[in-house]
Amino acid sequence: MSLEAIQKVTEAEQAARERRAEAAEEAKRIVADAERGGRQLIADARAKAEQDCRAMLADAEAQAQKKAERTLADSAAQCEALKQDARKRLDKAAGLIVGRVGSS
């Protein structure tokens, strides 16, 4: 083989080594970018999930508050109805007591 042919083969081998090194560096960069992008996606998803969770919790608390207010209002109305019923019977009960005390 001539010196020129050997030199061309050596240059081709060197160029191939350089391309492989460049490809390996490019692959490392692509992997690093993908990992960085993946971490960002995870962080974004976690932040959105936390935001959604806070919104659902606030909604549940608001609904619970409304239900508690309705329950308290219903209980207050029932108490008032019982008081009014008791007041109506108070005169009759007092009359019975006076009648028994008076007859003894």
C-alpha atoms as a PDB file:
ATOM      1  CA  MET A   1       0.000   0.000   0.000  1.00  0.00           C
ATOM      2  CA  SER A   2       1.290   3.416  -0.855  1.00  0.00           C
ATOM      3  CA  LEU A   3       2.050   6.065   1.718  1.00  0.00           C
ATOM      4  CA  GLU A   4      -0.741   8.194   0.340  1.00  0.00           C
ATOM      5  CA  ALA A   5      -3.291   5.391   0.785  1.00  0.00           C
ATOM      6  CA  ILE A   6      -2.120   4.753   4.348  1.00  0.00           C
ATOM      7  CA  GLN A   7      -2.438   8.454   5.083  1.00  0.00           C
ATOM      8  CA  LYS A   8      -5.980   8.522   3.684  1.00  0.00           C
ATOM      9  CA  VAL A   9      -6.962   5.491   5.779  1.00  0.00           C
ATOM     10  CA  THR A  10      -5.446   7.114   8.881  1.00  0.00           C
ATOM     11  CA  GLU A  11      -7.299  10.358   8.166  1.00  0.00           C
ATOM     12  CA  ALA A  12     -10.553   8.473   7.615  1.00  0.00           C
ATOM     13  CA  GLU A  13     -10.060   6.581  10.899  1.00  0.00           C
ATOM     14  CA  GLN A  14      -9.340   9.849  12.714  1.00  0.00           C
ATOM     15  CA  ALA A  15     -12.419  11.489  11.173  1.00  0.00           C
ATOM     16  CA  ALA A  16     -14.520   8.489  12.210  1.00  0.00           C
ATOM     17  CA  ARG A  17     -13.183   8.717  15.799  1.00  0.00           C
ATOM     18  CA  GLU A  18     -13.997  12.427  15.879  1.00  0.00           C
ATOM     19  CA  ARG A  19     -17.536  11.799  14.554  1.00  0.00           C
ATOM     20  CA  ARG A  20     -18.039   9.084  17.191  1.00  0.00           C
ATOM     21  CA  ALA A  21     -16.822  11.452  19.917  1.00  0.00           C
ATOM     22  CA  GLU A  22     -19.110  14.210  18.630  1.00  0.00           C
ATOM     23  CA  ALA A  23     -22.025  11.770  18.470  1.00  0.00           C
ATOM     24  CA  ALA A  24     -21.327  10.617  22.042  1.00  0.00           C
ATOM     25  CA  GLU A  25     -21.266  14.239  23.226  1.00  0.00           C
ATOM     26  CA  GLU A  26     -24.482  14.962  21.339  1.00  0.00           C
ATOM     27  CA  ALA A  27     -26.092  11.885  22.891  1.00  0.00           C
ATOM     28  CA  LYS A  28     -25.032  13.050  26.370  1.00  0.00           C
ATOM     29  CA  ARG A  29     -26.499  16.489  25.650  1.00  0.00           C
ATOM     30  CA  ILE A  30     -29.760  14.976  24.405  1.00  0.00           C
ATOM     31  CA  VAL A  31     -30.022  12.760  27.513  1.00  0.00           C
ATOM     32  CA  ALA A  32     -29.279  15.717  29.805  1.00  0.00           C
ATOM     33  CA  ASP A  33     -31.891  17.850  28.033  1.00  0.00           C
ATOM     34  CA  ALA A  34     -34.450  15.037  28.266  1.00  0.00           C
ATOM     35  CA  GLU A  35     -33.750  14.536  31.981  1.00  0.00           C
ATOM     36  CA  ARG A  36     -34.040  18.273  32.611  1.00  0.00           C
ATOM     37  CA  GLY A  37     -37.286  18.384  30.629  1.00  0.00           C
ATOM     38  CA  GLY A  38     -38.617  15.354  32.503  1.00  0.00           C
ATOM     39  CA  ARG A  39     -37.823  16.922  35.869  1.00  0.00           C
ATOM     40  CA  GLN A  40     -39.588  20.100  34.763  1.00  0.00           C
ATOM     41  CA  LEU A  41     -42.652  18.131  33.661  1.00  0.00           C
ATOM     42  CA  ILE A  42     -42.754  16.372  37.020  1.00  0.00           C
ATOM     43  CA  ALA A  43     -42.416  19.668  38.874  1.00  0.00           C
ATOM     44  CA  ASP A  44     -45.168  21.235  36.763  1.00  0.00           C
ATOM     45  CA  ALA A  45     -47.469  18.241  37.276  1.00  0.00           C
ATOM     46  CA  ARG A  46     -46.816  18.281  41.033  1.00  0.00           C
ATOM     47  CA  ALA A  47     -47.551  22.023  41.239  1.00  0.00           C
ATOM     48  CA  LYS A  48     -50.776  21.594  39.256  1.00  0.00           C
ATOM     49  CA  ALA A  49     -51.840  18.677  41.443  1.00  0.00           C
ATOM     50  CA  GLU A  50     -51.207  20.728  44.589  1.00  0.00           C
ATOM     51  CA  GLN A  51     -53.162  23.656  43.136  1.00  0.00           C
ATOM     52  CA  ASP A  52     -56.049  21.353  42.175  1.00  0.00           C
ATOM     53  CA  CYS A  53     -55.965  19.772  45.624  1.00  0.00           C
ATOM     54  CA  ARG A  54     -56.138  23.181  47.327  1.00  0.00           C
ATOM     55  CA  ALA A  55     -59.054  24.174  45.093  1.00  0.00           C
ATOM     56  CA  MET A  56     -60.939  20.933  45.827  1.00  0.00           C
ATOM     57  CA  LEU A  57     -60.288  21.319  49.556  1.00  0.00           C
ATOM     58  CA  ALA A  58     -61.536  24.914  49.508  1.00  0.00           C
ATOM     59  CA  ASP A  59     -64.647  23.808  47.611  1.00  0.00           C
ATOM     60  CA  ALA A  60     -65.288  20.974  50.063  1.00  0.00           C
ATOM     61  CA  GLU A  61     -64.863  23.333  53.009  1.00  0.00           C
ATOM     62  CA  ALA A  62     -67.276  25.830  51.470  1.00  0.00           C
ATOM     63  CA  GLN A  63     -69.861  23.090  50.871  1.00  0.00           C
ATOM     64  CA  ALA A  64     -69.397  21.800  54.421  1.00  0.00           C
ATOM     65  CA  GLN A  65     -69.843  25.326  55.778  1.00  0.00           C
ATOM     66  CA  LYS A  66     -73.084  25.783  53.811  1.00  0.00           C
ATOM     67  CA  LYS A  67     -74.382  22.416  55.002  1.00  0.00           C
ATOM     68  CA  ALA A  68     -73.489  23.255  58.602  1.00  0.00           C
ATOM     69  CA  GLU A  69     -75.305  26.591  58.298  1.00  0.00           C
ATOM     70  CA  ARG A  70     -78.403  24.867  56.862  1.00  0.00           C
ATOM     71  CA  THR A  71     -78.313  22.271  59.639  1.00  0.00           C
ATOM     72  CA  LEU A  72     -78.008  24.980  62.295  1.00  0.00           C
ATOM     73  CA  ALA A  73     -80.854  26.954  60.736  1.00  0.00           C
ATOM     74  CA  ASP A  74     -83.050  23.821  60.592  1.00  0.00           C
ATOM     75  CA  SER A  75     -82.233  22.992  64.216  1.00  0.00           C
ATOM     76  CA  ALA A  76     -82.979  26.550  65.315  1.00  0.00           C
ATOM     77  CA  ALA A  77     -86.332  26.410  63.511  1.00  0.00           C
ATOM     78  CA  GLN A  78     -87.182  23.086  65.177  1.00  0.00           C
ATOM     79  CA  CYS A  79     -86.214  24.485  68.576  1.00  0.00           C
ATOM     80  CA  GLU A  80     -88.415  27.507  68.038  1.00  0.00           C
ATOM     81  CA  ALA A  81     -91.328  25.276  67.003  1.00  0.00           C
ATOM     82  CA  LEU A  82     -90.860  23.179  70.156  1.00  0.00           C
ATOM     83  CA  LYS A  83     -90.733  26.325  72.313  1.00  0.00           C
ATOM     84  CA  GLN A  84     -93.928  27.654  70.766  1.00  0.00           C
ATOM     85  CA  ASP A  85     -95.646  24.308  71.286  1.00  0.00           C
ATOM     86  CA  ALA A  86     -94.462  24.272  74.907  1.00  0.00           C
ATOM     87  CA  ARG A  87     -95.753  27.835  75.462  1.00  0.00           C
ATOM     88  CA  LYS A  88     -99.170  26.819  74.143  1.00  0.00           C
ATOM     89  CA  ARG A  89     -99.289  23.950  76.620  1.00  0.00           C
ATOM     90  CA  LEU A  90     -97.945  26.035  79.509  1.00  0.00           C
ATOM     91  CA  ASP A  91    -101.312  27.708  80.206  1.00  0.00           C
ATOM     92  CA  LYS A  92    -103.089  24.351  80.191  1.00  0.00           C
ATOM     93  CA  ALA A  93    -100.451  22.817  82.483  1.00  0.00           C
ATOM     94  CA  ALA A  94    -100.668  25.765  84.861  1.00  0.00           C
ATOM     95  CA  GLY A  95    -104.454  25.419  84.923  1.00  0.00           C
ATOM     96  CA  LEU A  96    -104.194  21.717  85.766  1.00  0.00           C
ATOM     97  CA  ILE A  97    -101.733  22.429  88.571  1.00  0.00           C
ATOM     98  CA  VAL A  98    -103.907  25.199  90.007  1.00  0.00           C
ATOM     99  CA  GLY A  99    -106.948  22.948  89.739  1.00  0.00           C
ATOM    100  CA  ARG A 100    -105.236  20.116  91.659  1.00  0.00           C
ATOM    101  CA  VAL A 101    -103.841  22.431  94.298  1.00  0.00           C
ATOM    102  CA  GLY A 102    -107.188  24.141  94.670  1.00  0.00           C
ATOM    103  CA  SER A 103    -109.115  20.867  95.046  1.00  0.00           C
ATOM    104  CA  SER A 104    -106.868  19.427  97.711  1.00  0.00           C
END
